[in-house]
Amino acid sequence: MAESTDLEQLMSSFKKFAIHGDTKATGKEMNGKNWAKLCKDCKIIDGKNVTGTDVDIVFTKVKAKTSRVITYEEFQRALEELAPKRFKGQSKEEALTSVYKLIEGKEPTNVGVTKMAKTAAVDRLTDTTKYTGSHKERFDERGKGRGKGGREELVEKTGYVGSYKNAGTYEEKTKAK
């Protein structure tokens, strides 16, 4: 069987995959999508012996009937189910150790994530210093957007005309008399 340091690395990988893509996840339970991602990223799914369908079936088999997630203990049972299928020539214990070795220390990858293009055309279009006319009013001197104040003319309900320079000085004038 695997050593305690190996099990700690396995637990660490479980937590990393469990919280991947979910801001509310605690790392104690893993959903089906993240389970499939773990199996794909750690190369448990090889396309011949273990397929995506096999992974989904094992997930459904080990989870509680009404639950949508698996705990760490159920995760280990799922690996015990998949190990002999993935490593057919090995004994059950050797296969399980081999599966643990595939997972230990791994993290979710972000393959296929769209990256921001940095070309001259994009730079030119997003450079706020080159904006003219009414579009220029949407940004402050640092190039940061002003939000709604830059898009719409907001009405101040102070009772003064928009361009009046001495707004708020009436009380001072009346007290002076």
N, C-alpha and C. Protein backbone atom coordinates (compact mmCIF):
# COMPACT_ATOMS: atom_id res chain seq x y z
N MET A 1 0.85 -1.20 0.00
CA MET A 1 0.00 0.00 0.00
C MET A 1 0.88 1.24 0.00
N ALA A 2 0.31 2.38 -0.26
CA ALA A 2 1.06 3.63 -0.35
C ALA A 2 1.47 4.12 1.03
N GLU A 3 2.57 4.90 1.07
CA GLU A 3 3.05 5.46 2.33
C GLU A 3 2.23 6.68 2.72
N SER A 4 2.44 7.17 3.96
CA SER A 4 1.64 8.30 4.45
C SER A 4 1.95 9.58 3.68
N THR A 5 3.22 9.79 3.27
CA THR A 5 3.53 11.01 2.50
C THR A 5 2.83 10.97 1.14
N ASP A 6 2.74 9.76 0.56
CA ASP A 6 2.04 9.62 -0.71
C ASP A 6 0.56 9.94 -0.54
N LEU A 7 -0.03 9.48 0.58
CA LEU A 7 -1.43 9.75 0.84
C LEU A 7 -1.67 11.25 1.09
N GLU A 8 -0.69 11.92 1.70
CA GLU A 8 -0.81 13.36 1.90
C GLU A 8 -0.80 14.09 0.56
N GLN A 9 0.07 13.64 -0.35
CA GLN A 9 0.10 14.25 -1.68
C GLN A 9 -1.19 13.95 -2.43
N LEU A 10 -1.73 12.77 -2.25
CA LEU A 10 -2.99 12.40 -2.88
C LEU A 10 -4.11 13.29 -2.36
N MET A 11 -4.14 13.51 -1.03
CA MET A 11 -5.15 14.38 -0.41
C MET A 11 -5.00 15.80 -0.93
N SER A 12 -3.76 16.27 -1.09
CA SER A 12 -3.50 17.63 -1.60
C SER A 12 -4.04 17.77 -3.03
N SER A 13 -3.77 16.78 -3.86
CA SER A 13 -4.27 16.81 -5.24
C SER A 13 -5.80 16.76 -5.25
N PHE A 14 -6.40 15.95 -4.39
CA PHE A 14 -7.86 15.88 -4.29
C PHE A 14 -8.42 17.26 -3.98
N LYS A 15 -7.84 17.96 -3.00
CA LYS A 15 -8.33 19.29 -2.62
C LYS A 15 -8.19 20.29 -3.76
N LYS A 16 -7.05 20.26 -4.44
CA LYS A 16 -6.82 21.20 -5.55
C LYS A 16 -7.84 21.00 -6.66
N PHE A 17 -8.10 19.74 -7.01
CA PHE A 17 -9.09 19.47 -8.05
C PHE A 17 -10.50 19.76 -7.56
N ALA A 18 -10.77 19.55 -6.26
CA ALA A 18 -12.12 19.76 -5.73
C ALA A 18 -12.52 21.23 -5.77
N ILE A 19 -11.56 22.14 -5.57
CA ILE A 19 -11.91 23.56 -5.56
C ILE A 19 -11.76 24.21 -6.94
N HIS A 20 -11.25 23.47 -7.92
CA HIS A 20 -11.01 24.04 -9.24
C HIS A 20 -12.32 24.50 -9.89
N GLY A 21 -12.37 25.77 -10.26
CA GLY A 21 -13.51 26.31 -10.97
C GLY A 21 -14.73 26.61 -10.14
N ASP A 22 -14.66 26.43 -8.83
CA ASP A 22 -15.81 26.66 -7.96
C ASP A 22 -15.38 27.54 -6.80
N THR A 23 -15.87 28.76 -6.76
CA THR A 23 -15.46 29.71 -5.71
C THR A 23 -16.02 29.34 -4.35
N LYS A 24 -17.10 28.56 -4.32
CA LYS A 24 -17.72 28.22 -3.04
C LYS A 24 -17.25 26.87 -2.49
N ALA A 25 -16.39 26.17 -3.22
CA ALA A 25 -15.94 24.85 -2.81
C ALA A 25 -15.00 24.94 -1.62
N THR A 26 -15.09 23.95 -0.73
CA THR A 26 -14.25 23.91 0.47
C THR A 26 -13.05 22.99 0.30
N GLY A 27 -13.10 22.10 -0.68
CA GLY A 27 -12.01 21.15 -0.88
C GLY A 27 -12.26 19.82 -0.18
N LYS A 28 -13.40 19.66 0.45
CA LYS A 28 -13.72 18.41 1.15
C LYS A 28 -14.55 17.47 0.28
N GLU A 29 -15.21 18.03 -0.74
CA GLU A 29 -16.05 17.23 -1.64
C GLU A 29 -15.74 17.60 -3.08
N MET A 30 -15.87 16.64 -3.97
CA MET A 30 -15.56 16.86 -5.39
C MET A 30 -16.79 16.53 -6.22
N ASN A 31 -17.10 17.40 -7.18
CA ASN A 31 -18.24 17.14 -8.06
C ASN A 31 -17.81 16.28 -9.25
N GLY A 32 -18.76 15.84 -10.03
CA GLY A 32 -18.48 14.94 -11.15
C GLY A 32 -17.61 15.55 -12.22
N LYS A 33 -17.80 16.82 -12.48
CA LYS A 33 -17.00 17.51 -13.51
C LYS A 33 -15.53 17.53 -13.11
N ASN A 34 -15.26 17.86 -11.85
CA ASN A 34 -13.89 17.92 -11.38
C ASN A 34 -13.27 16.52 -11.27
N TRP A 35 -14.08 15.52 -10.96
CA TRP A 35 -13.61 14.14 -10.93
C TRP A 35 -13.15 13.72 -12.33
N ALA A 36 -13.96 14.04 -13.34
CA ALA A 36 -13.60 13.72 -14.71
C ALA A 36 -12.35 14.48 -15.14
N LYS A 37 -12.22 15.72 -14.70
CA LYS A 37 -11.03 16.52 -15.02
C LYS A 37 -9.79 15.91 -14.38
N LEU A 38 -9.91 15.47 -13.13
CA LEU A 38 -8.79 14.83 -12.46
C LEU A 38 -8.35 13.59 -13.23
N CYS A 39 -9.31 12.77 -13.62
CA CYS A 39 -8.98 11.54 -14.34
C CYS A 39 -8.35 11.84 -15.70
N LYS A 40 -8.80 12.89 -16.34
CA LYS A 40 -8.24 13.25 -17.65
C LYS A 40 -6.85 13.86 -17.50
N ASP A 41 -6.69 14.83 -16.59
CA ASP A 41 -5.41 15.53 -16.42
C ASP A 41 -4.32 14.61 -15.89
N CYS A 42 -4.68 13.65 -15.04
CA CYS A 42 -3.69 12.73 -14.45
C CYS A 42 -3.50 11.48 -15.29
N LYS A 43 -4.10 11.44 -16.47
CA LYS A 43 -3.95 10.36 -17.43
C LYS A 43 -4.45 8.99 -16.91
N ILE A 44 -5.48 9.03 -16.07
CA ILE A 44 -6.15 7.79 -15.69
C ILE A 44 -6.99 7.33 -16.87
N ILE A 45 -7.61 8.30 -17.56
CA ILE A 45 -8.34 8.00 -18.79
C ILE A 45 -7.30 7.83 -19.89
N ASP A 46 -7.21 6.61 -20.43
CA ASP A 46 -6.23 6.37 -21.50
C ASP A 46 -6.90 6.13 -22.85
N GLY A 47 -8.22 6.08 -22.88
CA GLY A 47 -8.94 5.92 -24.14
C GLY A 47 -9.15 4.47 -24.54
N LYS A 48 -8.38 3.54 -23.97
CA LYS A 48 -8.53 2.12 -24.31
C LYS A 48 -9.14 1.35 -23.15
N ASN A 49 -8.40 1.29 -22.06
CA ASN A 49 -8.86 0.53 -20.89
C ASN A 49 -9.88 1.32 -20.07
N VAL A 50 -9.61 2.62 -19.89
CA VAL A 50 -10.50 3.49 -19.10
C VAL A 50 -10.93 4.65 -19.98
N THR A 51 -12.23 4.82 -20.11
CA THR A 51 -12.77 5.92 -20.92
C THR A 51 -13.53 6.90 -20.02
N GLY A 52 -13.98 7.99 -20.59
CA GLY A 52 -14.78 8.97 -19.85
C GLY A 52 -16.06 8.37 -19.30
N THR A 53 -16.65 7.46 -20.03
CA THR A 53 -17.87 6.79 -19.58
C THR A 53 -17.60 5.95 -18.34
N ASP A 54 -16.47 5.22 -18.35
CA ASP A 54 -16.10 4.41 -17.18
C ASP A 54 -15.95 5.28 -15.95
N VAL A 55 -15.32 6.45 -16.12
CA VAL A 55 -15.10 7.37 -15.00
C VAL A 55 -16.43 7.86 -14.45
N ASP A 56 -17.36 8.19 -15.33
CA ASP A 56 -18.69 8.65 -14.90
C ASP A 56 -19.46 7.55 -14.17
N ILE A 57 -19.35 6.33 -14.66
CA ILE A 57 -20.05 5.20 -14.04
C ILE A 57 -19.50 4.95 -12.64
N VAL A 58 -18.19 4.98 -12.49
CA VAL A 58 -17.57 4.76 -11.18
C VAL A 58 -17.97 5.87 -10.22
N PHE A 59 -18.02 7.11 -10.71
CA PHE A 59 -18.43 8.23 -9.86
C PHE A 59 -19.84 8.00 -9.33
N THR A 60 -20.75 7.61 -10.21
CA THR A 60 -22.14 7.37 -9.82
C THR A 60 -22.24 6.20 -8.84
N LYS A 61 -21.39 5.19 -9.02
CA LYS A 61 -21.42 4.01 -8.17
C LYS A 61 -20.96 4.31 -6.74
N VAL A 62 -19.92 5.14 -6.57
CA VAL A 62 -19.35 5.35 -5.23
C VAL A 62 -20.03 6.46 -4.44
N LYS A 63 -20.68 7.39 -5.11
CA LYS A 63 -21.31 8.51 -4.37
C LYS A 63 -22.58 8.04 -3.66
N ALA A 64 -22.99 8.81 -2.66
CA ALA A 64 -24.25 8.51 -1.97
C ALA A 64 -25.40 8.70 -2.95
N LYS A 65 -26.47 8.01 -2.74
CA LYS A 65 -27.58 7.98 -3.71
C LYS A 65 -28.15 9.36 -4.03
N THR A 66 -28.35 10.18 -3.02
CA THR A 66 -28.96 11.51 -3.24
C THR A 66 -27.92 12.60 -3.42
N SER A 67 -26.66 12.28 -3.27
CA SER A 67 -25.59 13.28 -3.32
C SER A 67 -25.16 13.55 -4.76
N ARG A 68 -24.56 14.73 -4.97
CA ARG A 68 -23.99 15.08 -6.27
C ARG A 68 -22.48 15.18 -6.21
N VAL A 69 -21.91 14.92 -5.04
CA VAL A 69 -20.47 15.04 -4.85
C VAL A 69 -19.95 13.79 -4.13
N ILE A 70 -18.60 13.62 -4.19
CA ILE A 70 -17.98 12.52 -3.46
C ILE A 70 -17.01 13.09 -2.43
N THR A 71 -16.88 12.39 -1.32
CA THR A 71 -15.93 12.78 -0.28
C THR A 71 -14.58 12.14 -0.61
N TYR A 72 -13.58 12.40 0.24
CA TYR A 72 -12.24 11.84 0.02
C TYR A 72 -12.26 10.31 0.13
N GLU A 73 -13.03 9.78 1.07
CA GLU A 73 -13.12 8.33 1.24
C GLU A 73 -13.76 7.68 0.00
N GLU A 74 -14.83 8.31 -0.50
CA GLU A 74 -15.48 7.80 -1.72
C GLU A 74 -14.54 7.93 -2.92
N PHE A 75 -13.72 8.99 -2.93
CA PHE A 75 -12.72 9.20 -3.97
C PHE A 75 -11.72 8.03 -3.98
N GLN A 76 -11.29 7.61 -2.79
CA GLN A 76 -10.35 6.49 -2.71
C GLN A 76 -11.00 5.19 -3.19
N ARG A 77 -12.28 5.01 -2.85
CA ARG A 77 -12.99 3.81 -3.34
C ARG A 77 -13.10 3.84 -4.86
N ALA A 78 -13.33 5.03 -5.42
CA ALA A 78 -13.43 5.16 -6.88
C ALA A 78 -12.10 4.80 -7.53
N LEU A 79 -10.99 5.22 -6.92
CA LEU A 79 -9.67 4.87 -7.46
C LEU A 79 -9.43 3.37 -7.37
N GLU A 80 -9.92 2.73 -6.30
CA GLU A 80 -9.79 1.28 -6.16
C GLU A 80 -10.57 0.56 -7.26
N GLU A 81 -11.69 1.15 -7.68
CA GLU A 81 -12.49 0.56 -8.77
C GLU A 81 -11.78 0.70 -10.12
N LEU A 82 -11.15 1.86 -10.34
CA LEU A 82 -10.53 2.14 -11.64
C LEU A 82 -9.15 1.52 -11.80
N ALA A 83 -8.42 1.33 -10.70
CA ALA A 83 -7.03 0.88 -10.77
C ALA A 83 -6.85 -0.44 -11.54
N PRO A 84 -7.60 -1.50 -11.22
CA PRO A 84 -7.40 -2.75 -11.96
C PRO A 84 -7.75 -2.63 -13.44
N LYS A 85 -8.67 -1.74 -13.75
CA LYS A 85 -9.06 -1.53 -15.14
C LYS A 85 -7.97 -0.81 -15.92
N ARG A 86 -7.33 0.16 -15.26
CA ARG A 86 -6.29 0.96 -15.92
C ARG A 86 -5.00 0.17 -16.09
N PHE A 87 -4.60 -0.57 -15.05
CA PHE A 87 -3.36 -1.36 -15.09
C PHE A 87 -3.73 -2.84 -15.00
N LYS A 88 -4.07 -3.44 -16.15
CA LYS A 88 -4.63 -4.79 -16.18
C LYS A 88 -3.63 -5.88 -15.78
N GLY A 89 -2.35 -5.74 -16.09
CA GLY A 89 -1.39 -6.80 -15.83
C GLY A 89 -0.91 -6.86 -14.39
N GLN A 90 -1.29 -5.89 -13.57
CA GLN A 90 -0.77 -5.81 -12.21
C GLN A 90 -1.80 -6.35 -11.20
N SER A 91 -1.29 -6.65 -10.00
CA SER A 91 -2.21 -7.06 -8.93
C SER A 91 -2.99 -5.83 -8.47
N LYS A 92 -4.01 -6.06 -7.66
CA LYS A 92 -4.88 -4.96 -7.22
C LYS A 92 -4.10 -3.89 -6.46
N GLU A 93 -3.20 -4.33 -5.55
CA GLU A 93 -2.41 -3.38 -4.75
C GLU A 93 -1.43 -2.61 -5.63
N GLU A 94 -0.76 -3.30 -6.55
CA GLU A 94 0.20 -2.63 -7.44
C GLU A 94 -0.51 -1.64 -8.35
N ALA A 95 -1.68 -2.02 -8.84
CA ALA A 95 -2.45 -1.13 -9.71
C ALA A 95 -2.88 0.12 -8.96
N LEU A 96 -3.32 -0.06 -7.70
CA LEU A 96 -3.74 1.08 -6.89
C LEU A 96 -2.56 2.01 -6.63
N THR A 97 -1.40 1.47 -6.33
CA THR A 97 -0.20 2.27 -6.12
C THR A 97 0.16 3.03 -7.39
N SER A 98 0.03 2.37 -8.54
CA SER A 98 0.33 3.03 -9.83
C SER A 98 -0.62 4.19 -10.09
N VAL A 99 -1.89 4.01 -9.75
CA VAL A 99 -2.88 5.09 -9.93
C VAL A 99 -2.56 6.25 -8.99
N TYR A 100 -2.19 5.92 -7.75
CA TYR A 100 -1.80 6.97 -6.79
C TYR A 100 -0.61 7.77 -7.33
N LYS A 101 0.35 7.06 -7.94
CA LYS A 101 1.54 7.74 -8.50
C LYS A 101 1.14 8.70 -9.62
N LEU A 102 0.11 8.33 -10.40
CA LEU A 102 -0.35 9.21 -11.48
C LEU A 102 -0.93 10.52 -10.93
N ILE A 103 -1.59 10.45 -9.77
CA ILE A 103 -2.32 11.60 -9.22
C ILE A 103 -1.46 12.47 -8.31
N GLU A 104 -0.54 11.86 -7.57
CA GLU A 104 0.22 12.57 -6.54
C GLU A 104 0.91 13.82 -7.07
N GLY A 105 0.67 14.95 -6.35
CA GLY A 105 1.34 16.20 -6.67
C GLY A 105 0.80 16.93 -7.89
N LYS A 106 -0.24 16.42 -8.51
CA LYS A 106 -0.77 17.05 -9.72
C LYS A 106 -1.75 18.16 -9.36
N GLU A 107 -1.86 19.13 -10.27
CA GLU A 107 -2.81 20.24 -10.14
C GLU A 107 -3.64 20.32 -11.41
N PRO A 108 -4.81 20.97 -11.34
CA PRO A 108 -5.61 21.14 -12.56
C PRO A 108 -4.89 22.02 -13.57
N THR A 109 -4.93 21.63 -14.83
CA THR A 109 -4.31 22.44 -15.88
C THR A 109 -5.37 23.31 -16.53
N ASN A 110 -4.91 24.39 -17.11
CA ASN A 110 -5.82 25.30 -17.80
C ASN A 110 -5.55 25.28 -19.30
N VAL A 111 -5.57 24.10 -19.89
CA VAL A 111 -5.34 23.95 -21.32
C VAL A 111 -6.57 24.41 -22.07
N GLY A 112 -6.38 25.19 -23.10
CA GLY A 112 -7.49 25.65 -23.91
C GLY A 112 -8.14 26.92 -23.41
N VAL A 113 -7.57 27.53 -22.38
CA VAL A 113 -8.12 28.78 -21.87
C VAL A 113 -7.71 29.90 -22.81
N THR A 114 -8.65 30.73 -23.18
CA THR A 114 -8.37 31.81 -24.12
C THR A 114 -7.49 32.87 -23.45
N LYS A 115 -6.42 33.21 -24.14
CA LYS A 115 -5.53 34.24 -23.63
C LYS A 115 -5.81 35.55 -24.36
N MET A 116 -5.52 36.67 -23.69
CA MET A 116 -5.76 37.97 -24.27
C MET A 116 -4.75 38.25 -25.38
N ALA A 117 -5.23 38.67 -26.52
CA ALA A 117 -4.35 38.98 -27.65
C ALA A 117 -3.65 40.30 -27.40
N LYS A 118 -2.36 40.33 -27.67
CA LYS A 118 -1.59 41.57 -27.54
C LYS A 118 -1.00 41.91 -28.90
N THR A 119 -1.80 42.51 -29.75
CA THR A 119 -1.31 42.94 -31.06
C THR A 119 -1.41 44.45 -31.14
N ALA A 120 -0.80 45.00 -32.17
CA ALA A 120 -0.81 46.46 -32.33
C ALA A 120 -2.24 46.97 -32.51
N ALA A 121 -3.09 46.21 -33.19
CA ALA A 121 -4.47 46.64 -33.41
C ALA A 121 -5.23 46.73 -32.08
N VAL A 122 -5.05 45.73 -31.22
CA VAL A 122 -5.74 45.73 -29.93
C VAL A 122 -5.22 46.87 -29.07
N ASP A 123 -3.90 47.07 -29.06
CA ASP A 123 -3.32 48.17 -28.28
C ASP A 123 -3.87 49.52 -28.76
N ARG A 124 -3.98 49.67 -30.06
CA ARG A 124 -4.46 50.94 -30.61
C ARG A 124 -5.93 51.17 -30.25
N LEU A 125 -6.73 50.12 -30.27
CA LEU A 125 -8.15 50.25 -29.97
C LEU A 125 -8.42 50.48 -28.49
N THR A 126 -7.54 49.99 -27.63
CA THR A 126 -7.76 50.14 -26.19
C THR A 126 -6.97 51.28 -25.58
N ASP A 127 -6.26 52.05 -26.38
CA ASP A 127 -5.50 53.19 -25.87
C ASP A 127 -6.44 54.38 -25.74
N THR A 128 -6.80 54.75 -24.51
CA THR A 128 -7.79 55.80 -24.27
C THR A 128 -7.26 57.19 -24.56
N THR A 129 -5.95 57.36 -24.68
CA THR A 129 -5.40 58.69 -24.99
C THR A 129 -5.69 59.10 -26.42
N LYS A 130 -6.01 58.16 -27.27
CA LYS A 130 -6.29 58.47 -28.68
C LYS A 130 -7.78 58.67 -28.96
N TYR A 131 -8.62 58.56 -27.95
CA TYR A 131 -10.05 58.78 -28.13
C TYR A 131 -10.32 60.27 -28.31
N THR A 132 -11.31 60.57 -29.13
CA THR A 132 -11.67 61.97 -29.38
C THR A 132 -13.16 62.17 -29.17
N GLY A 133 -13.58 63.42 -29.18
CA GLY A 133 -15.00 63.74 -29.10
C GLY A 133 -15.63 63.32 -27.79
N SER A 134 -16.87 62.88 -27.88
CA SER A 134 -17.61 62.53 -26.67
C SER A 134 -17.06 61.26 -26.01
N HIS A 135 -16.38 60.40 -26.75
CA HIS A 135 -15.81 59.18 -26.17
C HIS A 135 -14.71 59.51 -25.17
N LYS A 136 -14.02 60.63 -25.40
CA LYS A 136 -12.94 61.04 -24.52
C LYS A 136 -13.46 61.34 -23.10
N GLU A 137 -14.71 61.78 -23.00
CA GLU A 137 -15.31 62.15 -21.72
C GLU A 137 -15.57 60.93 -20.83
N ARG A 138 -15.51 59.73 -21.40
CA ARG A 138 -15.79 58.53 -20.62
C ARG A 138 -14.62 58.10 -19.75
N PHE A 139 -13.44 58.72 -19.90
CA PHE A 139 -12.24 58.32 -19.17
C PHE A 139 -11.62 59.50 -18.46
N ASP A 140 -10.99 59.25 -17.30
CA ASP A 140 -10.28 60.32 -16.61
C ASP A 140 -8.87 60.45 -17.20
N GLU A 141 -8.05 61.32 -16.61
CA GLU A 141 -6.72 61.59 -17.17
C GLU A 141 -5.79 60.38 -17.11
N ARG A 142 -6.05 59.42 -16.24
CA ARG A 142 -5.21 58.22 -16.14
C ARG A 142 -5.67 57.13 -17.11
N GLY A 143 -6.78 57.32 -17.80
CA GLY A 143 -7.29 56.32 -18.73
C GLY A 143 -8.28 55.37 -18.09
N LYS A 144 -8.62 55.59 -16.84
CA LYS A 144 -9.57 54.74 -16.13
C LYS A 144 -10.99 55.19 -16.46
N GLY A 145 -11.89 54.25 -16.69
CA GLY A 145 -13.26 54.58 -17.04
C GLY A 145 -14.00 55.25 -15.90
N ARG A 146 -14.90 56.16 -16.24
CA ARG A 146 -15.68 56.88 -15.23
C ARG A 146 -16.99 56.19 -14.89
N GLY A 147 -17.32 55.14 -15.59
CA GLY A 147 -18.56 54.43 -15.33
C GLY A 147 -19.76 55.16 -15.88
N LYS A 148 -20.85 55.15 -15.16
CA LYS A 148 -22.10 55.76 -15.61
C LYS A 148 -21.94 57.26 -15.78
N GLY A 149 -21.14 57.89 -14.93
CA GLY A 149 -20.92 59.33 -15.02
C GLY A 149 -20.27 59.74 -16.33
N GLY A 150 -19.52 58.86 -16.95
CA GLY A 150 -18.89 59.16 -18.23
C GLY A 150 -19.81 58.90 -19.41
N ARG A 151 -20.86 58.09 -19.22
CA ARG A 151 -21.77 57.75 -20.32
C ARG A 151 -23.01 58.63 -20.36
N GLU A 152 -23.49 59.01 -19.20
CA GLU A 152 -24.75 59.76 -19.14
C GLU A 152 -24.53 61.05 -18.38
N GLU A 153 -25.36 62.02 -18.71
CA GLU A 153 -25.29 63.27 -17.97
C GLU A 153 -26.14 63.10 -16.72
N LEU A 154 -25.46 63.04 -15.58
CA LEU A 154 -26.16 62.84 -14.32
C LEU A 154 -26.62 64.18 -13.78
N VAL A 155 -27.87 64.23 -13.34
CA VAL A 155 -28.46 65.47 -12.83
C VAL A 155 -28.23 65.55 -11.33
N GLU A 156 -27.65 66.66 -10.89
CA GLU A 156 -27.48 66.89 -9.47
C GLU A 156 -28.71 67.63 -8.98
N LYS A 157 -29.34 67.13 -7.95
CA LYS A 157 -30.58 67.74 -7.47
C LYS A 157 -30.28 68.72 -6.33
N THR A 158 -29.42 69.70 -6.62
CA THR A 158 -29.03 70.67 -5.59
C THR A 158 -29.85 71.95 -5.69
N GLY A 159 -30.54 72.16 -6.83
CA GLY A 159 -31.30 73.38 -7.02
C GLY A 159 -30.52 74.44 -7.77
N TYR A 160 -29.28 74.20 -8.10
CA TYR A 160 -28.46 75.15 -8.84
C TYR A 160 -28.37 74.74 -10.31
N VAL A 161 -28.12 75.71 -11.15
CA VAL A 161 -27.91 75.47 -12.58
C VAL A 161 -26.58 74.73 -12.73
N GLY A 162 -26.49 73.87 -13.72
CA GLY A 162 -25.33 73.01 -13.90
C GLY A 162 -23.98 73.69 -13.90
N SER A 163 -23.85 74.84 -14.56
CA SER A 163 -22.54 75.50 -14.68
C SER A 163 -22.31 76.56 -13.61
N TYR A 164 -23.20 76.71 -12.64
CA TYR A 164 -23.08 77.76 -11.64
C TYR A 164 -21.87 77.51 -10.75
N LYS A 165 -20.98 78.49 -10.66
CA LYS A 165 -19.71 78.33 -9.97
C LYS A 165 -19.82 78.46 -8.44
N ASN A 166 -20.76 79.23 -7.94
CA ASN A 166 -20.84 79.51 -6.51
C ASN A 166 -21.89 78.66 -5.80
N ALA A 167 -22.06 77.43 -6.22
CA ALA A 167 -23.06 76.55 -5.60
C ALA A 167 -22.68 76.28 -4.15
N GLY A 168 -23.64 76.36 -3.26
CA GLY A 168 -23.41 76.08 -1.85
C GLY A 168 -22.90 77.25 -1.04
N THR A 169 -22.89 78.46 -1.59
CA THR A 169 -22.35 79.62 -0.86
C THR A 169 -23.45 80.53 -0.34
N TYR A 170 -24.72 80.21 -0.53
CA TYR A 170 -25.82 81.10 -0.15
C TYR A 170 -25.85 81.33 1.37
N GLU A 171 -25.67 80.25 2.15
CA GLU A 171 -25.71 80.40 3.60
C GLU A 171 -24.62 81.33 4.11
N GLU A 172 -23.46 81.26 3.52
CA GLU A 172 -22.34 82.12 3.92
C GLU A 172 -22.68 83.60 3.66
N LYS A 173 -23.34 83.90 2.52
CA LYS A 173 -23.67 85.28 2.17
C LYS A 173 -24.74 85.85 3.11
N THR A 174 -25.73 85.01 3.48
CA THR A 174 -26.81 85.51 4.34
C THR A 174 -26.36 85.71 5.77
N LYS A 175 -25.40 84.90 6.23
CA LYS A 175 -24.88 85.05 7.59
C LYS A 175 -24.02 86.31 7.72
N ALA A 176 -23.39 86.71 6.66
CA ALA A 176 -22.50 87.87 6.69
C ALA A 176 -23.28 89.16 6.90
N LYS A 177 -24.55 89.21 6.55
CA LYS A 177 -25.34 90.44 6.66
C LYS A 177 -25.80 90.73 8.03
